[in-house]
Amino acid sequence: MVSLATIFISSFMIALSGALMPGPLLTATISESVHRGTITGPLLILGHGILELALLFALLLGLAPFLTQDRVFAVIAIVGAGILVWMSVGMFRSRPSLDLSGSAGKAERGGLIVSGILMSLANPYWIVWWATIGLGYVLYCRQQGPWGIAFFFAGHILADLAWYTAVAAAIAKGKRFLNDRLYRWLIWSCASVLLVFAAYFFYTGLDKARLL
């Protein structure tokens, strides 16, 4: 029987390989870390982890077949595209007044947790991964009972935390090489990337809905 240590290590490595791939959450980490510092990574992952934990329970209750339906994917993709467009437009609109002064307050930190949730929800492939590969691994880990699930989730979320904290720390420490003009350019670039993801998700959503 598989050991808890094996579950933890393998879960960590699988999650890390996924975290390294570019996506909306990584874009948000880069754009926010300049102004809000290293804490950006942990707060975004806190929101991401809350959503993942809820999804994990949903999958264990048997919702995987529902989540892998083309129509469900289409709805998630199109709504996710809308979320990304909304966040991107907000970044574009705030760009002229952005500067590197100031620090994050409590409300802003709460906003980062919400952003972690929204950026995860906006990515339909994240949900599909959990409903297919993730669910298969969860069922395998369940051989060890509740502890197997716990060690799986701990390894998974710690991989995300380690990577996004490292990214946030690297961006925050590089802040001294930026000025307000470069900072605004970075925000413009991140907002543009979010629009690209939005267009891609919207297109794939329409395709899954058989509207193309």
C-alpha atoms as a PDB file:
ATOM      1  CA  MET A   1       0.000   0.000   0.000  1.00  0.00           C
ATOM      2  CA  VAL A   2       1.196   3.508  -0.812  1.00  0.00           C
ATOM      3  CA  SER A   3       2.710   5.437   2.110  1.00  0.00           C
ATOM      4  CA  LEU A   4       1.626   8.867   3.308  1.00  0.00           C
ATOM      5  CA  ALA A   5       5.115  10.224   2.573  1.00  0.00           C
ATOM      6  CA  THR A   6       4.855   9.004  -1.024  1.00  0.00           C
ATOM      7  CA  ILE A   7       1.433  10.614  -1.369  1.00  0.00           C
ATOM      8  CA  PHE A   8       2.732  13.938  -0.060  1.00  0.00           C
ATOM      9  CA  ILE A   9       5.878  14.022  -2.217  1.00  0.00           C
ATOM     10  CA  SER A  10       4.175  12.901  -5.425  1.00  0.00           C
ATOM     11  CA  SER A  11       1.303  15.330  -4.884  1.00  0.00           C
ATOM     12  CA  PHE A  12       3.795  18.156  -4.304  1.00  0.00           C
ATOM     13  CA  MET A  13       5.716  17.374  -7.495  1.00  0.00           C
ATOM     14  CA  ILE A  14       2.602  16.989  -9.672  1.00  0.00           C
ATOM     15  CA  ALA A  15       1.143  20.254  -8.366  1.00  0.00           C
ATOM     16  CA  LEU A  16       4.462  22.067  -8.823  1.00  0.00           C
ATOM     17  CA  SER A  17       4.647  21.030 -12.478  1.00  0.00           C
ATOM     18  CA  GLY A  18       1.184  22.518 -12.964  1.00  0.00           C
ATOM     19  CA  ALA A  19       1.954  25.690 -11.009  1.00  0.00           C
ATOM     20  CA  LEU A  20       4.951  26.392 -13.235  1.00  0.00           C
ATOM     21  CA  MET A  21       2.667  26.724 -16.270  1.00  0.00           C
ATOM     22  CA  PRO A  22       1.568  30.302 -17.113  1.00  0.00           C
ATOM     23  CA  GLY A  23      -2.022  31.221 -16.316  1.00  0.00           C
ATOM     24  CA  PRO A  24      -4.265  33.993 -14.963  1.00  0.00           C
ATOM     25  CA  LEU A  25      -3.168  33.341 -11.368  1.00  0.00           C
ATOM     26  CA  LEU A  26       0.498  33.782 -12.260  1.00  0.00           C
ATOM     27  CA  THR A  27      -0.307  36.983 -14.148  1.00  0.00           C
ATOM     28  CA  ALA A  28      -2.141  38.349 -11.104  1.00  0.00           C
ATOM     29  CA  THR A  29       0.796  37.422  -8.867  1.00  0.00           C
ATOM     30  CA  ILE A  30       3.235  39.332 -11.062  1.00  0.00           C
ATOM     31  CA  SER A  31       1.061  42.432 -11.396  1.00  0.00           C
ATOM     32  CA  GLU A  32       0.168  42.704  -7.700  1.00  0.00           C
ATOM     33  CA  SER A  33       3.515  41.791  -6.132  1.00  0.00           C
ATOM     34  CA  VAL A  34       5.221  44.988  -7.251  1.00  0.00           C
ATOM     35  CA  HIS A  35       2.911  47.118  -5.134  1.00  0.00           C
ATOM     36  CA  ARG A  36       1.834  44.730  -2.365  1.00  0.00           C
ATOM     37  CA  GLY A  37       5.008  42.734  -1.790  1.00  0.00           C
ATOM     38  CA  THR A  38       5.774  39.099  -1.073  1.00  0.00           C
ATOM     39  CA  ILE A  39       2.527  38.614   0.857  1.00  0.00           C
ATOM     40  CA  THR A  40       0.743  38.665  -2.512  1.00  0.00           C
ATOM     41  CA  GLY A  41       1.697  35.045  -3.215  1.00  0.00           C
ATOM     42  CA  PRO A  42       0.409  33.522   0.051  1.00  0.00           C
ATOM     43  CA  LEU A  43      -2.820  35.563  -0.023  1.00  0.00           C
ATOM     44  CA  LEU A  44      -3.659  34.622  -3.604  1.00  0.00           C
ATOM     45  CA  ILE A  45      -2.950  30.971  -2.802  1.00  0.00           C
ATOM     46  CA  LEU A  46      -5.135  31.215   0.306  1.00  0.00           C
ATOM     47  CA  GLY A  47      -8.069  32.122  -1.933  1.00  0.00           C
ATOM     48  CA  HIS A  48      -7.018  29.492  -4.459  1.00  0.00           C
ATOM     49  CA  GLY A  49      -6.727  26.873  -1.703  1.00  0.00           C
ATOM     50  CA  ILE A  50     -10.156  27.668  -0.235  1.00  0.00           C
ATOM     51  CA  LEU A  51     -11.708  27.080  -3.647  1.00  0.00           C
ATOM     52  CA  GLU A  52      -9.669  23.910  -4.227  1.00  0.00           C
ATOM     53  CA  LEU A  53     -10.747  22.484  -0.885  1.00  0.00           C
ATOM     54  CA  ALA A  54     -14.393  23.139  -1.726  1.00  0.00           C
ATOM     55  CA  LEU A  55     -13.931  21.540  -5.146  1.00  0.00           C
ATOM     56  CA  LEU A  56     -12.199  18.525  -3.583  1.00  0.00           C
ATOM     57  CA  PHE A  57     -15.219  17.867  -1.363  1.00  0.00           C
ATOM     58  CA  ALA A  58     -17.532  18.335  -4.354  1.00  0.00           C
ATOM     59  CA  LEU A  59     -15.588  15.740  -6.348  1.00  0.00           C
ATOM     60  CA  LEU A  60     -15.662  13.272  -3.473  1.00  0.00           C
ATOM     61  CA  LEU A  61     -19.435  13.715  -3.396  1.00  0.00           C
ATOM     62  CA  GLY A  62     -19.625  12.612  -7.043  1.00  0.00           C
ATOM     63  CA  LEU A  63     -19.774  15.830  -9.062  1.00  0.00           C
ATOM     64  CA  ALA A  64     -16.920  14.920 -11.452  1.00  0.00           C
ATOM     65  CA  PRO A  65     -19.183  13.631 -14.293  1.00  0.00           C
ATOM     66  CA  PHE A  66     -21.152  16.880 -14.173  1.00  0.00           C
ATOM     67  CA  LEU A  67     -18.038  19.077 -14.250  1.00  0.00           C
ATOM     68  CA  THR A  68     -16.558  17.303 -17.275  1.00  0.00           C
ATOM     69  CA  GLN A  69     -19.614  17.845 -19.502  1.00  0.00           C
ATOM     70  CA  ASP A  70     -19.001  20.031 -22.551  1.00  0.00           C
ATOM     71  CA  ARG A  71     -21.866  22.353 -21.674  1.00  0.00           C
ATOM     72  CA  VAL A  72     -20.530  22.902 -18.162  1.00  0.00           C
ATOM     73  CA  PHE A  73     -17.044  23.559 -19.554  1.00  0.00           C
ATOM     74  CA  ALA A  74     -18.531  26.061 -21.997  1.00  0.00           C
ATOM     75  CA  VAL A  75     -20.362  27.968 -19.259  1.00  0.00           C
ATOM     76  CA  ILE A  76     -17.289  28.047 -17.011  1.00  0.00           C
ATOM     77  CA  ALA A  77     -15.060  29.169 -19.895  1.00  0.00           C
ATOM     78  CA  ILE A  78     -17.370  31.956 -21.054  1.00  0.00           C
ATOM     79  CA  VAL A  79     -18.061  33.236 -17.528  1.00  0.00           C
ATOM     80  CA  GLY A  80     -14.346  32.972 -16.761  1.00  0.00           C
ATOM     81  CA  ALA A  81     -13.559  35.029 -19.847  1.00  0.00           C
ATOM     82  CA  GLY A  82     -15.951  37.676 -18.564  1.00  0.00           C
ATOM     83  CA  ILE A  83     -14.210  37.744 -15.180  1.00  0.00           C
ATOM     84  CA  LEU A  84     -10.816  38.162 -16.822  1.00  0.00           C
ATOM     85  CA  VAL A  85     -12.082  40.955 -19.075  1.00  0.00           C
ATOM     86  CA  TRP A  86     -13.569  42.746 -16.058  1.00  0.00           C
ATOM     87  CA  MET A  87     -10.306  42.502 -14.108  1.00  0.00           C
ATOM     88  CA  SER A  88      -8.242  43.492 -17.133  1.00  0.00           C
ATOM     89  CA  VAL A  89     -10.374  46.574 -17.804  1.00  0.00           C
ATOM     90  CA  GLY A  90      -9.984  47.573 -14.167  1.00  0.00           C
ATOM     91  CA  MET A  91      -6.201  47.331 -14.508  1.00  0.00           C
ATOM     92  CA  PHE A  92      -6.214  49.393 -17.710  1.00  0.00           C
ATOM     93  CA  ARG A  93      -8.410  52.081 -16.127  1.00  0.00           C
ATOM     94  CA  SER A  94      -6.263  52.355 -12.980  1.00  0.00           C
ATOM     95  CA  ARG A  95      -2.977  52.423 -14.914  1.00  0.00           C
ATOM     96  CA  PRO A  96      -2.638  56.233 -15.336  1.00  0.00           C
ATOM     97  CA  SER A  97      -2.822  56.839 -11.568  1.00  0.00           C
ATOM     98  CA  LEU A  98      -0.630  53.937 -10.453  1.00  0.00           C
ATOM     99  CA  ASP A  99       2.614  54.558  -8.608  1.00  0.00           C
ATOM    100  CA  LEU A 100       5.024  52.584  -6.451  1.00  0.00           C
ATOM    101  CA  SER A 101       4.306  54.460  -3.230  1.00  0.00           C
ATOM    102  CA  GLY A 102       2.013  53.202  -0.485  1.00  0.00           C
ATOM    103  CA  SER A 103       1.384  49.741   0.983  1.00  0.00           C
ATOM    104  CA  ALA A 104      -1.418  47.206   1.061  1.00  0.00           C
ATOM    105  CA  GLY A 105      -4.100  47.640   3.671  1.00  0.00           C
ATOM    106  CA  LYS A 106      -6.408  45.065   5.187  1.00  0.00           C
ATOM    107  CA  ALA A 107      -9.091  45.639   2.573  1.00  0.00           C
ATOM    108  CA  GLU A 108      -6.557  45.176  -0.203  1.00  0.00           C
ATOM    109  CA  ARG A 109      -5.307  41.972   1.369  1.00  0.00           C
ATOM    110  CA  GLY A 110      -8.849  40.661   1.519  1.00  0.00           C
ATOM    111  CA  GLY A 111      -9.132  41.606  -2.132  1.00  0.00           C
ATOM    112  CA  LEU A 112      -6.136  39.428  -2.945  1.00  0.00           C
ATOM    113  CA  ILE A 113      -7.855  36.404  -1.398  1.00  0.00           C
ATOM    114  CA  VAL A 114     -10.936  37.089  -3.517  1.00  0.00           C
ATOM    115  CA  SER A 115      -8.694  37.514  -6.556  1.00  0.00           C
ATOM    116  CA  GLY A 116      -7.174  34.106  -5.869  1.00  0.00           C
ATOM    117  CA  ILE A 117     -10.661  32.611  -5.962  1.00  0.00           C
ATOM    118  CA  LEU A 118     -11.737  34.509  -9.090  1.00  0.00           C
ATOM    119  CA  MET A 119      -8.565  33.762 -11.050  1.00  0.00           C
ATOM    120  CA  SER A 120      -8.986  30.064 -10.307  1.00  0.00           C
ATOM    121  CA  LEU A 121     -12.677  30.068 -11.254  1.00  0.00           C
ATOM    122  CA  ALA A 122     -11.869  31.888 -14.477  1.00  0.00           C
ATOM    123  CA  ASN A 123      -9.688  29.024 -15.711  1.00  0.00           C
ATOM    124  CA  PRO A 124     -11.890  26.148 -16.982  1.00  0.00           C
ATOM    125  CA  TYR A 125      -8.862  23.889 -17.452  1.00  0.00           C
ATOM    126  CA  TRP A 126      -8.162  24.062 -13.727  1.00  0.00           C
ATOM    127  CA  ILE A 127     -11.601  22.572 -13.019  1.00  0.00           C
ATOM    128  CA  VAL A 128     -11.202  19.930 -15.728  1.00  0.00           C
ATOM    129  CA  TRP A 129      -7.814  18.921 -14.278  1.00  0.00           C
ATOM    130  CA  TRP A 130      -9.392  18.389 -10.873  1.00  0.00           C
ATOM    131  CA  ALA A 131     -12.359  16.488 -12.314  1.00  0.00           C
ATOM    132  CA  THR A 132     -10.102  14.092 -14.252  1.00  0.00           C
ATOM    133  CA  ILE A 133      -6.444  13.764 -13.220  1.00  0.00           C
ATOM    134  CA  GLY A 134      -7.004  15.227  -9.770  1.00  0.00           C
ATOM    135  CA  LEU A 135      -9.983  13.018  -8.985  1.00  0.00           C
ATOM    136  CA  GLY A 136      -8.146   9.886 -10.115  1.00  0.00           C
ATOM    137  CA  TYR A 137      -5.267  10.695  -7.807  1.00  0.00           C
ATOM    138  CA  VAL A 138      -7.598  11.537  -4.923  1.00  0.00           C
ATOM    139  CA  LEU A 139      -9.342   8.174  -5.260  1.00  0.00           C
ATOM    140  CA  TYR A 140      -5.960   6.459  -5.272  1.00  0.00           C
ATOM    141  CA  CYS A 141      -4.894   8.333  -2.121  1.00  0.00           C
ATOM    142  CA  ARG A 142      -8.160   7.449  -0.419  1.00  0.00           C
ATOM    143  CA  GLN A 143      -6.744   3.959   0.115  1.00  0.00           C
ATOM    144  CA  GLN A 144      -5.125   5.506   3.182  1.00  0.00           C
ATOM    145  CA  GLY A 145      -8.434   6.917   4.378  1.00  0.00           C
ATOM    146  CA  PRO A 146      -8.857  10.550   5.479  1.00  0.00           C
ATOM    147  CA  TRP A 147      -5.117  10.861   6.153  1.00  0.00           C
ATOM    148  CA  GLY A 148      -4.388   9.969   2.538  1.00  0.00           C
ATOM    149  CA  ILE A 149      -6.655  12.779   1.322  1.00  0.00           C
ATOM    150  CA  ALA A 150      -5.137  15.179   3.861  1.00  0.00           C
ATOM    151  CA  PHE A 151      -1.548  14.422   2.833  1.00  0.00           C
ATOM    152  CA  PHE A 152      -2.504  14.714  -0.842  1.00  0.00           C
ATOM    153  CA  PHE A 153      -4.071  18.125  -0.353  1.00  0.00           C
ATOM    154  CA  ALA A 154      -1.221  19.332   1.875  1.00  0.00           C
ATOM    155  CA  GLY A 155       1.376  18.409  -0.733  1.00  0.00           C
ATOM    156  CA  HIS A 156      -0.694  19.951  -3.501  1.00  0.00           C
ATOM    157  CA  ILE A 157      -1.344  23.305  -1.853  1.00  0.00           C
ATOM    158  CA  LEU A 158       2.188  23.624  -0.449  1.00  0.00           C
ATOM    159  CA  ALA A 159       3.587  23.310  -3.972  1.00  0.00           C
ATOM    160  CA  ASP A 160       1.383  26.200  -5.097  1.00  0.00           C
ATOM    161  CA  LEU A 161       2.338  28.198  -2.009  1.00  0.00           C
ATOM    162  CA  ALA A 162       6.072  27.627  -2.504  1.00  0.00           C
ATOM    163  CA  TRP A 163       6.064  28.612  -6.176  1.00  0.00           C
ATOM    164  CA  TYR A 164       3.807  31.650  -6.002  1.00  0.00           C
ATOM    165  CA  THR A 165       5.528  32.956  -2.873  1.00  0.00           C
ATOM    166  CA  ALA A 166       8.879  32.621  -4.658  1.00  0.00           C
ATOM    167  CA  VAL A 167       7.518  34.498  -7.684  1.00  0.00           C
ATOM    168  CA  ALA A 168       6.028  37.242  -5.489  1.00  0.00           C
ATOM    169  CA  ALA A 169       9.269  37.592  -3.510  1.00  0.00           C
ATOM    170  CA  ALA A 170      11.341  37.840  -6.693  1.00  0.00           C
ATOM    171  CA  ILE A 171       9.051  40.529  -8.134  1.00  0.00           C
ATOM    172  CA  ALA A 172       8.899  42.452  -4.842  1.00  0.00           C
ATOM    173  CA  LYS A 173      12.681  42.454  -4.453  1.00  0.00           C
ATOM    174  CA  GLY A 174      13.056  43.620  -8.038  1.00  0.00           C
ATOM    175  CA  LYS A 175      10.885  46.630  -7.251  1.00  0.00           C
ATOM    176  CA  ARG A 176      13.974  48.758  -6.630  1.00  0.00           C
ATOM    177  CA  PHE A 177      14.824  48.458 -10.334  1.00  0.00           C
ATOM    178  CA  LEU A 178      11.436  49.907 -11.331  1.00  0.00           C
ATOM    179  CA  ASN A 179      10.083  53.420 -11.606  1.00  0.00           C
ATOM    180  CA  ASP A 180       6.452  54.484 -11.939  1.00  0.00           C
ATOM    181  CA  ARG A 181       6.617  54.396 -15.727  1.00  0.00           C
ATOM    182  CA  LEU A 182       7.944  50.844 -15.838  1.00  0.00           C
ATOM    183  CA  TYR A 183       5.429  49.798 -13.189  1.00  0.00           C
ATOM    184  CA  ARG A 184       2.556  51.105 -15.316  1.00  0.00           C
ATOM    185  CA  TRP A 185       4.001  49.305 -18.333  1.00  0.00           C
ATOM    186  CA  LEU A 186       4.112  46.065 -16.312  1.00  0.00           C
ATOM    187  CA  ILE A 187       0.461  46.475 -15.316  1.00  0.00           C
ATOM    188  CA  TRP A 188      -0.462  47.196 -18.946  1.00  0.00           C
ATOM    189  CA  SER A 189       1.356  44.032 -20.022  1.00  0.00           C
ATOM    190  CA  CYS A 190      -0.366  41.897 -17.385  1.00  0.00           C
ATOM    191  CA  ALA A 191      -3.771  43.335 -18.284  1.00  0.00           C
ATOM    192  CA  SER A 192      -3.076  42.517 -21.920  1.00  0.00           C
ATOM    193  CA  VAL A 193      -2.129  38.938 -21.027  1.00  0.00           C
ATOM    194  CA  LEU A 194      -5.405  38.554 -19.129  1.00  0.00           C
ATOM    195  CA  LEU A 195      -7.257  39.698 -22.248  1.00  0.00           C
ATOM    196  CA  VAL A 196      -5.436  37.045 -24.271  1.00  0.00           C
ATOM    197  CA  PHE A 197      -6.503  34.365 -21.776  1.00  0.00           C
ATOM    198  CA  ALA A 198     -10.044  35.768 -21.852  1.00  0.00           C
ATOM    199  CA  ALA A 199     -10.180  35.539 -25.646  1.00  0.00           C
ATOM    200  CA  TYR A 200      -8.840  31.980 -25.578  1.00  0.00           C
ATOM    201  CA  PHE A 201     -11.298  30.842 -22.891  1.00  0.00           C
ATOM    202  CA  PHE A 202     -14.177  32.530 -24.709  1.00  0.00           C
ATOM    203  CA  TYR A 203     -13.245  30.828 -27.977  1.00  0.00           C
ATOM    204  CA  THR A 204     -12.905  27.377 -26.396  1.00  0.00           C
ATOM    205  CA  GLY A 205     -16.177  27.918 -24.533  1.00  0.00           C
ATOM    206  CA  LEU A 206     -18.008  28.681 -27.767  1.00  0.00           C
ATOM    207  CA  ASP A 207     -16.350  25.679 -29.387  1.00  0.00           C
ATOM    208  CA  LYS A 208     -17.474  23.346 -26.609  1.00  0.00           C
ATOM    209  CA  ALA A 209     -20.974  24.802 -26.850  1.00  0.00           C
ATOM    210  CA  ARG A 210     -20.937  23.964 -30.572  1.00  0.00           C
ATOM    211  CA  LEU A 211     -21.470  27.612 -31.466  1.00  0.00           C
ATOM    212  CA  LEU A 212     -18.478  27.790 -33.832  1.00  0.00           C
END
